[in-house]
Amino acid sequence: MRRRHLASASLLVGALAWWGAAAPATAQMQPKLDPATCVLPAFYSGPTPYKSVEQLSDQRVTFRLCAPDAREVLVTSTDIATVIPMGYPQGTPRGLAMTKDKTGLWTVTTPKPVPADIYRFAFRVDGVKTVDPQGKTFSEELKGINSTFEVNGPEGAFQTWEAGVPHGAVSTVAYWSKSLGIQRRAHIYTPPGYNKGSGKYPVLYLVHGSGDSDDSWTSVGHANLILDNLIASGKAVPMIVVMPDGHTPPREGVATLDNPDFGADLIQDLIPYVDANYRSDARPQARAMAGLSMGGSHTLRNGLTHPDLFRWIGVFSMGLDRAGDQGRIDQYAKANDAALKQSARELKLLYLAMGRDDFLYGTVAPTRALFDRYHIAHVYNESGGGHEWPNWRRYFADFAPRLFH
């Protein structure tokens, strides 16, 4: 029996040696590219002969897509629409129309430079949204997914990955929500050096907007890279950042902005999960909450009203209610009177930021008036621009260095 095993082993070694000597090199196995078509051969694993997104020297951007059978292809992006109108404002083209060459490759270049920033985009092929098939970076939204690209330049350096900077890690975690009776997901950033140490860290709970997901603050918001750069320069304290899912299953009577189900999950389930599984400093003076748009509403309703849990608050592009709806603001104040008075005494930071062109700009004055009524000191950052990611990334970069000092 032993001789038979030895003989089998010898045959296997010999076969492997023959394969190593006789097998052709990977390059020799690659199918040849047909210059008459942009379509890659089946099983081709070599370099792609074209770049789907290319930044030009003047910061214009060229897009390419291989689709020989398509009749119409557009580049669509609500993010670029803030620079180059694409359906916004209303009446503008739905996207940038691409032109097909004889190989079936569609191409278009933006008519003007695109500012250094991060952008989501997709191709619309004969009316169907299509992510970049050559892409490597994507961003999940409330519904669906987009490809992303970055335009590099000095004004965007604060949010760019740098080789010489120590980098933290972003984990995707699943936890059980007893309050909702479902499995929930969150993204969690741990700072550089977290896995090598034993100390505890302050925690920021950072919430996305109504059209996005818990993936958004890193995939398009680059909050992790912004923090990496701030920590490396000594401008921010190393911290854990928990990015929850701001949406809960639809339920009659539960609004998107005033959502008690989100608050129950955050306070009863997610915070205990983080404190049990991460080296978090669980004191209220070491815990912050911030959010943009819908996430800002969640923060006003679950962060500012819980000084027993949070002492640092950030609200981006959101107020309590539209201008003129004083009744709802008074209702909020009455329901949270004791907590707001406690926040006035104990809060370490209340930060509010809004763009002058934001459609929610009218909510600023009544919201600040409520802060003043309760003598809650706050920092107000008014910028240009509107309800958009270029603002939110910069608000975060201004807010984060103010935390936990």
Protein backbone atom coordinates (compact mmCIF):
# COMPACT_ATOMS: atom_id res chain seq x y z
CA MET A 1 0.00 0.00 0.00
CA ARG A 2 2.80 2.38 0.93
CA ARG A 3 4.63 1.66 -2.38
CA ARG A 4 1.43 2.42 -4.31
CA HIS A 5 1.12 5.81 -2.54
CA LEU A 6 4.75 6.63 -3.29
CA ALA A 7 4.30 5.69 -6.93
CA SER A 8 1.19 7.94 -7.21
CA ALA A 9 3.08 10.81 -5.62
CA SER A 10 5.95 10.36 -8.09
CA LEU A 11 3.54 10.45 -11.03
CA LEU A 12 1.94 13.65 -9.69
CA VAL A 13 5.31 15.38 -9.21
CA GLY A 14 6.34 14.33 -12.68
CA ALA A 15 3.14 15.63 -14.22
CA LEU A 16 3.52 18.97 -12.49
CA ALA A 17 7.13 19.25 -13.65
CA TRP A 18 6.06 18.48 -17.24
CA TRP A 19 3.27 21.10 -17.09
CA GLY A 20 5.65 23.73 -15.75
CA ALA A 21 8.09 23.08 -18.57
CA ALA A 22 5.58 22.62 -21.38
CA ALA A 23 2.85 25.15 -20.52
CA PRO A 24 3.06 28.32 -22.62
CA ALA A 25 3.58 31.70 -20.96
CA THR A 26 0.46 33.68 -20.07
CA ALA A 27 1.27 36.29 -22.70
CA GLN A 28 1.40 33.57 -25.39
CA MET A 29 -2.06 32.34 -24.34
CA GLN A 30 -3.75 35.74 -24.76
CA PRO A 31 -6.15 36.03 -27.71
CA LYS A 32 -5.17 38.61 -30.29
CA LEU A 33 -7.04 41.92 -30.28
CA ASP A 34 -9.08 42.68 -33.38
CA PRO A 35 -8.35 46.29 -34.48
CA ALA A 36 -11.72 46.44 -36.23
CA THR A 37 -13.70 46.26 -32.98
CA CYS A 38 -13.35 47.55 -29.43
CA VAL A 39 -14.88 44.34 -28.05
CA LEU A 40 -12.33 42.29 -26.09
CA PRO A 41 -12.06 38.56 -26.90
CA ALA A 42 -13.52 36.05 -24.48
CA PHE A 43 -11.17 35.14 -21.63
CA TYR A 44 -8.89 38.10 -22.43
CA SER A 45 -7.05 39.17 -19.28
CA GLY A 46 -4.51 41.60 -20.66
CA PRO A 47 -4.50 45.40 -20.33
CA THR A 48 -7.58 47.25 -21.52
CA PRO A 49 -6.78 49.08 -24.77
CA TYR A 50 -8.70 52.21 -23.69
CA LYS A 51 -9.33 54.20 -20.49
CA SER A 52 -12.99 54.56 -19.60
CA VAL A 53 -12.29 57.77 -17.65
CA GLU A 54 -9.26 59.95 -18.35
CA GLN A 55 -8.34 63.27 -16.80
CA LEU A 56 -6.72 65.60 -19.35
CA SER A 57 -3.99 68.11 -18.55
CA ASP A 58 -6.49 71.00 -18.39
CA GLN A 59 -8.81 69.04 -16.01
CA ARG A 60 -11.35 68.29 -18.67
CA VAL A 61 -12.42 64.63 -18.50
CA THR A 62 -12.83 62.14 -21.35
CA PHE A 63 -15.25 59.19 -21.04
CA ARG A 64 -15.18 56.04 -23.20
CA LEU A 65 -17.43 53.01 -23.51
CA CYS A 66 -17.30 50.06 -25.91
CA ALA A 67 -20.85 49.39 -27.13
CA PRO A 68 -20.89 48.63 -30.90
CA ASP A 69 -24.59 47.71 -31.02
CA ALA A 70 -25.87 50.74 -29.08
CA ARG A 71 -27.83 53.48 -30.83
CA GLU A 72 -27.39 56.20 -28.19
CA VAL A 73 -24.97 56.52 -25.26
CA LEU A 74 -24.84 59.34 -22.70
CA VAL A 75 -22.67 60.07 -19.68
CA THR A 76 -24.92 60.96 -16.75
CA SER A 77 -23.89 62.44 -13.40
CA THR A 78 -25.84 64.48 -10.88
CA ASP A 79 -22.48 65.41 -9.33
CA ILE A 80 -20.99 66.84 -12.54
CA ALA A 81 -24.32 68.59 -13.15
CA THR A 82 -23.26 71.20 -10.61
CA VAL A 83 -20.54 72.20 -13.12
CA ILE A 84 -21.91 71.04 -16.48
CA PRO A 85 -25.75 70.97 -16.67
CA MET A 86 -27.04 67.39 -17.10
CA GLY A 87 -30.76 67.48 -16.43
CA TYR A 88 -30.26 70.10 -13.75
CA PRO A 89 -31.52 72.75 -14.03
CA GLN A 90 -34.61 71.39 -15.72
CA GLY A 91 -34.64 71.66 -19.49
CA THR A 92 -30.94 70.85 -19.93
CA PRO A 93 -29.84 67.62 -21.70
CA ARG A 94 -30.05 64.45 -19.62
CA GLY A 95 -26.33 63.84 -20.06
CA LEU A 96 -23.32 64.33 -22.30
CA ALA A 97 -23.97 62.75 -25.70
CA MET A 98 -21.16 60.41 -26.79
CA THR A 99 -19.94 59.77 -30.35
CA LYS A 100 -19.23 56.29 -31.74
CA ASP A 101 -16.19 55.51 -33.92
CA LYS A 102 -15.86 52.71 -36.47
CA THR A 103 -14.72 50.20 -33.82
CA GLY A 104 -17.83 50.74 -31.71
CA LEU A 105 -16.06 52.87 -29.07
CA TRP A 106 -18.13 55.78 -27.77
CA THR A 107 -16.28 58.91 -26.57
CA VAL A 108 -17.04 62.35 -25.14
CA THR A 109 -14.95 65.01 -23.40
CA THR A 110 -16.44 67.52 -20.97
CA PRO A 111 -16.71 70.97 -22.60
CA LYS A 112 -15.01 72.64 -19.63
CA PRO A 113 -12.59 71.66 -16.84
CA VAL A 114 -14.03 69.69 -13.92
CA PRO A 115 -12.93 70.89 -10.45
CA ALA A 116 -10.70 68.57 -8.42
CA ASP A 117 -13.15 66.39 -6.52
CA ILE A 118 -14.87 62.98 -6.42
CA TYR A 119 -17.79 62.32 -8.74
CA ARG A 120 -20.39 59.62 -9.32
CA PHE A 121 -21.40 58.82 -12.88
CA ALA A 122 -22.95 56.19 -15.14
CA PHE A 123 -23.51 55.54 -18.82
CA ARG A 124 -27.04 55.55 -20.24
CA VAL A 125 -27.05 53.04 -23.07
CA ASP A 126 -30.22 53.17 -25.17
CA GLY A 127 -32.07 54.46 -22.12
CA VAL A 128 -30.65 51.93 -19.64
CA LYS A 129 -28.36 53.04 -16.81
CA THR A 130 -25.05 51.14 -16.93
CA VAL A 131 -22.11 51.39 -14.55
CA ASP A 132 -18.62 51.57 -16.02
CA PRO A 133 -17.73 47.98 -17.05
CA GLN A 134 -14.02 48.86 -16.78
CA GLY A 135 -14.48 50.62 -13.44
CA LYS A 136 -12.86 49.69 -10.14
CA THR A 137 -14.61 52.14 -7.77
CA PHE A 138 -18.35 52.29 -7.13
CA SER A 139 -20.78 53.99 -4.76
CA GLU A 140 -23.97 52.44 -3.39
CA GLU A 141 -26.98 54.70 -3.09
CA LEU A 142 -30.44 54.17 -1.62
CA LYS A 143 -31.40 52.56 -4.92
CA GLY A 144 -28.79 51.20 -7.27
CA ILE A 145 -25.12 51.95 -7.73
CA ASN A 146 -22.91 54.42 -9.60
CA SER A 147 -19.33 54.35 -10.76
CA THR A 148 -16.95 56.96 -9.34
CA PHE A 149 -13.88 58.84 -10.50
CA GLU A 150 -11.62 61.47 -9.01
CA VAL A 151 -10.24 64.59 -10.64
CA ASN A 152 -6.91 65.42 -9.02
CA GLY A 153 -5.73 68.93 -8.22
CA PRO A 154 -4.47 71.04 -5.31
CA GLU A 155 -7.96 72.07 -4.18
CA GLY A 156 -8.93 68.41 -3.76
CA ALA A 157 -5.75 67.22 -2.02
CA PHE A 158 -7.42 67.16 1.42
CA GLN A 159 -9.56 64.16 0.35
CA THR A 160 -7.05 62.23 -1.77
CA TRP A 161 -5.19 59.03 -0.89
CA GLU A 162 -1.53 59.83 -0.23
CA ALA A 163 1.21 57.20 -0.26
CA GLY A 164 3.19 58.80 2.57
CA VAL A 165 0.22 59.04 4.94
CA PRO A 166 -0.72 56.22 7.37
CA HIS A 167 -4.16 54.90 6.51
CA GLY A 168 -6.97 53.57 8.63
CA ALA A 169 -9.30 50.73 7.70
CA VAL A 170 -12.98 50.68 6.72
CA SER A 171 -14.97 47.58 7.67
CA THR A 172 -18.46 46.58 6.60
CA VAL A 173 -20.27 45.04 9.58
CA ALA A 174 -23.59 43.33 10.08
CA TYR A 175 -25.41 43.40 13.43
CA TRP A 176 -28.77 42.31 14.74
CA SER A 177 -31.25 45.07 15.54
CA LYS A 178 -33.55 43.90 18.31
CA SER A 179 -35.57 47.09 18.07
CA LEU A 180 -36.34 46.53 14.37
CA GLY A 181 -36.17 42.72 14.32
CA ILE A 182 -33.84 42.64 11.31
CA GLN A 183 -30.18 42.40 10.37
CA ARG A 184 -28.62 45.83 9.79
CA ARG A 185 -25.40 47.03 8.16
CA ALA A 186 -22.91 49.76 8.98
CA HIS A 187 -19.48 50.90 7.79
CA ILE A 188 -16.88 51.51 10.50
CA TYR A 189 -13.58 53.38 10.15
CA THR A 190 -10.76 52.62 12.56
CA PRO A 191 -7.79 55.02 12.52
CA PRO A 192 -4.16 54.21 11.66
CA GLY A 193 -2.53 52.16 14.41
CA TYR A 194 -5.82 50.89 15.86
CA ASN A 195 -4.89 47.21 15.40
CA LYS A 196 -1.48 47.65 17.02
CA GLY A 197 -2.62 49.36 20.20
CA SER A 198 -4.77 48.74 23.23
CA GLY A 199 -6.14 52.19 24.04
CA LYS A 200 -9.71 53.40 23.65
CA TYR A 201 -10.88 55.87 21.02
CA PRO A 202 -13.63 58.49 20.84
CA VAL A 203 -16.43 57.69 18.38
CA LEU A 204 -18.22 59.76 15.75
CA TYR A 205 -21.55 58.50 14.39
CA LEU A 206 -21.77 59.93 10.85
CA VAL A 207 -25.02 59.63 8.89
CA HIS A 208 -25.69 59.96 5.14
CA GLY A 209 -28.53 61.67 3.25
CA SER A 210 -31.87 60.36 1.99
CA GLY A 211 -30.61 59.33 -1.46
CA ASP A 212 -27.56 57.48 -0.17
CA SER A 213 -26.51 54.51 1.97
CA ASP A 214 -24.10 53.65 4.76
CA ASP A 215 -21.50 53.11 2.02
CA SER A 216 -21.69 56.70 0.80
CA TRP A 217 -19.57 58.56 3.37
CA THR A 218 -16.54 56.53 2.30
CA SER A 219 -17.20 55.62 -1.36
CA VAL A 220 -18.03 59.17 -2.47
CA GLY A 221 -17.56 61.19 0.73
CA HIS A 222 -13.97 60.00 1.29
CA ALA A 223 -14.44 60.61 5.03
CA ASN A 224 -11.80 57.96 5.76
CA LEU A 225 -9.19 59.63 3.54
CA ILE A 226 -10.05 63.09 4.84
CA LEU A 227 -9.48 61.82 8.38
CA ASP A 228 -6.28 60.00 7.43
CA ASN A 229 -4.85 63.27 6.13
CA LEU A 230 -6.08 65.32 9.08
CA ILE A 231 -4.71 62.85 11.63
CA ALA A 232 -1.34 62.65 9.84
CA SER A 233 -1.02 66.45 9.90
CA GLY A 234 -1.93 66.60 13.60
CA LYS A 235 -5.16 68.51 12.92
CA ALA A 236 -7.60 65.83 14.10
CA VAL A 237 -7.72 63.40 17.01
CA PRO A 238 -7.64 59.70 16.00
CA MET A 239 -11.21 58.45 16.24
CA ILE A 240 -13.53 55.62 15.28
CA VAL A 241 -16.21 56.65 12.78
CA VAL A 242 -19.42 54.62 12.61
CA MET A 243 -21.52 55.17 9.49
CA PRO A 244 -25.02 53.71 10.05
CA ASP A 245 -27.74 52.92 7.56
CA GLY A 246 -29.94 55.99 7.84
CA HIS A 247 -32.97 54.21 6.37
CA THR A 248 -35.30 51.80 8.09
CA PRO A 249 -38.02 49.56 6.61
CA PRO A 250 -41.06 51.59 5.54
CA ARG A 251 -43.77 51.79 8.17
CA GLU A 252 -47.00 53.75 8.16
CA GLY A 253 -46.68 56.96 10.12
CA VAL A 254 -42.86 57.02 10.09
CA ALA A 255 -41.39 59.92 8.10
CA THR A 256 -38.00 59.97 6.37
CA LEU A 257 -36.67 62.93 8.36
CA ASP A 258 -38.44 62.38 11.68
CA ASN A 259 -37.79 58.66 12.07
CA PRO A 260 -38.06 57.16 15.58
CA ASP A 261 -37.16 53.71 14.20
CA PHE A 262 -33.71 54.98 13.23
CA GLY A 263 -33.27 56.48 16.67
CA ALA A 264 -34.30 53.25 18.40
CA ASP A 265 -31.85 51.19 16.35
CA LEU A 266 -29.03 53.69 16.88
CA ILE A 267 -29.43 54.02 20.63
CA GLN A 268 -30.61 50.54 21.61
CA ASP A 269 -28.63 48.43 19.14
CA LEU A 270 -25.83 50.05 17.19
CA ILE A 271 -24.14 52.02 19.97
CA PRO A 272 -24.13 48.96 22.29
CA TYR A 273 -22.77 46.83 19.43
CA VAL A 274 -19.90 49.25 18.82
CA ASP A 275 -19.07 49.58 22.52
CA ALA A 276 -19.05 45.78 22.87
CA ASN A 277 -16.92 45.03 19.81
CA TYR A 278 -14.57 48.02 19.45
CA ARG A 279 -12.19 49.78 21.81
CA SER A 280 -14.53 52.75 22.11
CA ASP A 281 -14.56 55.35 24.84
CA ALA A 282 -18.20 55.07 25.89
CA ARG A 283 -18.39 58.33 27.82
CA PRO A 284 -20.73 60.98 26.34
CA GLN A 285 -17.87 63.49 26.17
CA ALA A 286 -16.08 61.04 23.85
CA ARG A 287 -19.04 60.49 21.52
CA ALA A 288 -20.17 62.69 18.61
CA MET A 289 -22.93 62.58 16.02
CA ALA A 290 -23.14 64.33 12.67
CA GLY A 291 -24.95 63.98 9.37
CA LEU A 292 -25.84 65.57 6.07
CA SER A 293 -29.37 66.36 4.87
CA MET A 294 -31.52 63.49 6.21
CA GLY A 295 -28.57 62.53 8.40
CA GLY A 296 -28.57 66.07 9.75
CA SER A 297 -32.24 65.66 10.65
CA HIS A 298 -31.44 62.37 12.41
CA THR A 299 -28.70 64.22 14.30
CA LEU A 300 -31.00 67.05 15.40
CA ARG A 301 -33.60 64.55 16.60
CA ASN A 302 -31.35 61.85 18.11
CA GLY A 303 -28.05 63.59 18.85
CA LEU A 304 -28.84 67.09 20.05
CA THR A 305 -31.70 65.70 22.16
CA HIS A 306 -29.45 63.11 23.86
CA PRO A 307 -26.72 64.98 25.75
CA ASP A 308 -26.51 61.85 27.92
CA LEU A 309 -24.98 60.13 24.87
CA PHE A 310 -23.49 62.86 22.62
CA ARG A 311 -21.60 66.04 23.49
CA TRP A 312 -20.40 66.92 19.97
CA ILE A 313 -22.95 67.60 17.22
CA GLY A 314 -22.60 68.43 13.50
CA VAL A 315 -25.45 69.25 11.11
CA PHE A 316 -24.73 69.72 7.39
CA SER A 317 -27.32 71.14 4.95
CA MET A 318 -30.34 70.67 7.18
CA GLY A 319 -32.50 72.69 9.56
CA LEU A 320 -35.41 71.77 11.75
CA ASP A 321 -38.13 72.78 9.29
CA ARG A 322 -38.70 75.03 6.33
CA ALA A 323 -38.91 78.76 6.99
CA GLY A 324 -42.35 79.77 8.21
CA ASP A 325 -43.25 76.42 9.79
CA GLN A 326 -42.81 77.72 13.31
CA GLY A 327 -45.45 75.35 14.64
CA ARG A 328 -43.35 72.27 14.03
CA ILE A 329 -40.27 73.93 15.50
CA ASP A 330 -42.23 74.79 18.64
CA GLN A 331 -43.47 71.20 18.76
CA TYR A 332 -39.87 69.94 18.58
CA ALA A 333 -38.85 72.33 21.37
CA LYS A 334 -41.76 71.31 23.62
CA ALA A 335 -41.04 67.59 23.15
CA ASN A 336 -37.33 68.02 23.90
CA ASP A 337 -37.33 70.95 26.30
CA ALA A 338 -35.42 69.30 29.14
CA ALA A 339 -32.84 67.74 26.81
CA LEU A 340 -32.21 71.02 24.99
CA LYS A 341 -31.69 72.82 28.30
CA GLN A 342 -29.21 70.11 29.30
CA SER A 343 -27.44 70.43 25.95
CA ALA A 344 -27.10 74.16 26.55
CA ARG A 345 -25.18 73.36 29.76
CA GLU A 346 -23.16 70.32 28.68
CA LEU A 347 -22.67 70.35 24.90
CA LYS A 348 -19.07 70.88 23.82
CA LEU A 349 -19.81 71.68 20.16
CA LEU A 350 -22.83 72.34 17.97
CA TYR A 351 -21.78 72.90 14.36
CA LEU A 352 -24.19 73.93 11.59
CA ALA A 353 -23.16 74.33 7.93
CA MET A 354 -25.23 75.38 4.90
CA GLY A 355 -24.67 76.51 1.32
CA ARG A 356 -26.26 79.76 0.19
CA ASP A 357 -27.71 78.05 -2.90
CA ASP A 358 -29.09 75.08 -0.93
CA PHE A 359 -32.85 74.60 -1.31
CA LEU A 360 -32.93 74.17 2.49
CA TYR A 361 -31.20 77.50 3.14
CA GLY A 362 -34.49 78.90 4.49
CA THR A 363 -34.30 76.49 7.43
CA VAL A 364 -31.15 78.14 8.83
CA ALA A 365 -32.66 81.23 10.45
CA PRO A 366 -35.46 79.47 12.39
CA THR A 367 -33.09 76.70 13.48
CA ARG A 368 -30.47 79.15 14.75
CA ALA A 369 -33.22 81.13 16.47
CA LEU A 370 -34.17 77.98 18.40
CA PHE A 371 -30.52 77.47 19.41
CA ASP A 372 -30.43 81.07 20.63
CA ARG A 373 -33.73 80.64 22.51
CA TYR A 374 -32.12 77.81 24.50
CA HIS A 375 -28.77 79.62 24.75
CA ILE A 376 -27.02 76.78 22.92
CA ALA A 377 -23.76 78.20 21.58
CA HIS A 378 -23.02 77.06 18.04
CA VAL A 379 -20.55 77.44 15.18
CA TYR A 380 -22.16 78.41 11.87
CA ASN A 381 -20.37 77.79 8.56
CA GLU A 382 -22.10 79.37 5.54
CA SER A 383 -20.54 78.49 2.19
CA GLY A 384 -21.29 78.90 -1.47
CA GLY A 385 -22.88 76.09 -3.45
CA GLY A 386 -25.89 73.97 -2.69
CA HIS A 387 -27.04 70.56 -1.55
CA GLU A 388 -24.05 68.63 -2.87
CA TRP A 389 -21.13 66.39 -1.98
CA PRO A 390 -18.40 68.99 -2.68
CA ASN A 391 -19.87 70.99 0.22
CA TRP A 392 -20.38 68.02 2.53
CA ARG A 393 -16.80 66.78 2.19
CA ARG A 394 -15.52 70.25 3.03
CA TYR A 395 -17.92 70.62 5.96
CA PHE A 396 -16.62 67.32 7.32
CA ALA A 397 -13.01 68.47 6.88
CA ASP A 398 -13.85 71.61 8.87
CA PHE A 399 -15.87 69.78 11.53
CA ALA A 400 -13.61 66.81 12.32
CA PRO A 401 -10.63 68.82 13.67
CA ARG A 402 -12.94 70.47 16.23
CA LEU A 403 -13.82 67.17 17.92
CA PHE A 404 -12.70 65.64 21.20
CA HIS A 405 -10.35 68.35 22.42
